[in-house]
Amino acid sequence: MEIRNIGVLGAGAWGTALAISLARKNIPVTLWSRRAAHAEEMSSVRENQRYLSGFKFPNT
C-alpha cells in the first residue's frame, strides 16, 4: 500500500513530533496550525520554535 500524504492537525509539540517522525521515514506529511502566523513562522525557520524548539523539519 502506497501512502500518498498524511495530514497532522495541530502544530503543538505532539503534532510536530509526529509530523517530523513521519517525514523522516519519507512519508509525505502536511502539518496544520490553526494560526496562519505560526504556520508561516514554522515554514520560514523550518522548526516549531514555540512548542518543539531544537528539532528541525526534514528537507522534502
C-alpha atoms as a PDB file:
ATOM      1  CA  MET A   1       0.000   0.000   0.000  1.00  0.00           C
ATOM      2  CA  GLU A   2       1.343   3.394  -1.007  1.00  0.00           C
ATOM      3  CA  ILE A   3       0.909   6.300   1.413  1.00  0.00           C
ATOM      4  CA  ARG A   4       0.252   9.467  -0.566  1.00  0.00           C
ATOM      5  CA  ASN A   5       0.069  12.131   2.133  1.00  0.00           C
ATOM      6  CA  ILE A   6      -0.669  12.309   5.841  1.00  0.00           C
ATOM      7  CA  GLY A   7      -2.234  15.383   7.418  1.00  0.00           C
ATOM      8  CA  VAL A   8      -1.472  16.199  11.054  1.00  0.00           C
ATOM      9  CA  LEU A   9      -3.993  18.577  12.576  1.00  0.00           C
ATOM     10  CA  GLY A  10      -2.438  20.614  15.349  1.00  0.00           C
ATOM     11  CA  ALA A  11       1.053  22.083  15.415  1.00  0.00           C
ATOM     12  CA  GLY A  12       1.722  21.696  19.119  1.00  0.00           C
ATOM     13  CA  ALA A  13       4.611  19.618  20.457  1.00  0.00           C
ATOM     14  CA  TRP A  14       2.910  16.261  19.871  1.00  0.00           C
ATOM     15  CA  GLY A  15       1.647  17.050  16.365  1.00  0.00           C
ATOM     16  CA  THR A  16       5.006  18.478  15.350  1.00  0.00           C
ATOM     17  CA  ALA A  17       6.893  15.453  16.713  1.00  0.00           C
ATOM     18  CA  LEU A  18       4.542  13.117  14.829  1.00  0.00           C
ATOM     19  CA  ALA A  19       4.955  15.066  11.585  1.00  0.00           C
ATOM     20  CA  ILE A  20       8.757  15.085  11.897  1.00  0.00           C
ATOM     21  CA  SER A  21       8.801  11.351  12.633  1.00  0.00           C
ATOM     22  CA  LEU A  22       6.705  10.572   9.549  1.00  0.00           C
ATOM     23  CA  ALA A  23       8.750  12.885   7.324  1.00  0.00           C
ATOM     24  CA  ARG A  24      11.979  11.214   8.444  1.00  0.00           C
ATOM     25  CA  LYS A  25      10.516   7.952   7.115  1.00  0.00           C
ATOM     26  CA  ASN A  26       9.962   9.631   3.722  1.00  0.00           C
ATOM     27  CA  ILE A  27       6.211   9.774   4.219  1.00  0.00           C
ATOM     28  CA  PRO A  28       4.700  12.943   2.740  1.00  0.00           C
ATOM     29  CA  VAL A  29       3.124  14.903   5.593  1.00  0.00           C
ATOM     30  CA  THR A  30       1.346  18.233   5.994  1.00  0.00           C
ATOM     31  CA  LEU A  31       1.343  19.874   9.440  1.00  0.00           C
ATOM     32  CA  TRP A  32      -1.658  22.138  10.054  1.00  0.00           C
ATOM     33  CA  SER A  33      -1.670  25.029  12.517  1.00  0.00           C
ATOM     34  CA  ARG A  34      -4.775  26.980  13.457  1.00  0.00           C
ATOM     35  CA  ARG A  35      -2.827  30.248  13.370  1.00  0.00           C
ATOM     36  CA  ALA A  36      -1.564  31.415   9.979  1.00  0.00           C
ATOM     37  CA  ALA A  37       1.258  33.456  11.536  1.00  0.00           C
ATOM     38  CA  HIS A  38       2.537  30.371  13.366  1.00  0.00           C
ATOM     39  CA  ALA A  39       2.406  28.310  10.175  1.00  0.00           C
ATOM     40  CA  GLU A  40       4.348  30.985   8.287  1.00  0.00           C
ATOM     41  CA  GLU A  41       6.959  31.170  11.051  1.00  0.00           C
ATOM     42  CA  MET A  42       7.455  27.401  11.046  1.00  0.00           C
ATOM     43  CA  SER A  43       7.750  27.391   7.278  1.00  0.00           C
ATOM     44  CA  SER A  44      10.370  30.123   7.214  1.00  0.00           C
ATOM     45  CA  VAL A  45      12.608  28.790  10.029  1.00  0.00           C
ATOM     46  CA  ARG A  46      11.897  25.065   9.315  1.00  0.00           C
ATOM     47  CA  GLU A  47      11.249  24.441  13.020  1.00  0.00           C
ATOM     48  CA  ASN A  48       8.450  24.821  15.569  1.00  0.00           C
ATOM     49  CA  GLN A  49      10.328  27.148  17.906  1.00  0.00           C
ATOM     50  CA  ARG A  50       7.234  27.785  20.018  1.00  0.00           C
ATOM     51  CA  TYR A  51       6.399  24.195  21.006  1.00  0.00           C
ATOM     52  CA  LEU A  52       9.316  21.954  19.962  1.00  0.00           C
ATOM     53  CA  SER A  53      12.456  24.010  19.549  1.00  0.00           C
ATOM     54  CA  GLY A  54      15.684  22.308  18.549  1.00  0.00           C
ATOM     55  CA  PHE A  55      14.054  19.853  16.131  1.00  0.00           C
ATOM     56  CA  LYS A  56      14.408  20.974  12.514  1.00  0.00           C
ATOM     57  CA  PHE A  57      11.926  19.871   9.879  1.00  0.00           C
ATOM     58  CA  PRO A  58      13.422  17.361   7.434  1.00  0.00           C
ATOM     59  CA  ASN A  59      14.014  18.580   3.877  1.00  0.00           C
ATOM     60  CA  THR A  60      11.421  17.287   1.490  1.00  0.00           C
END
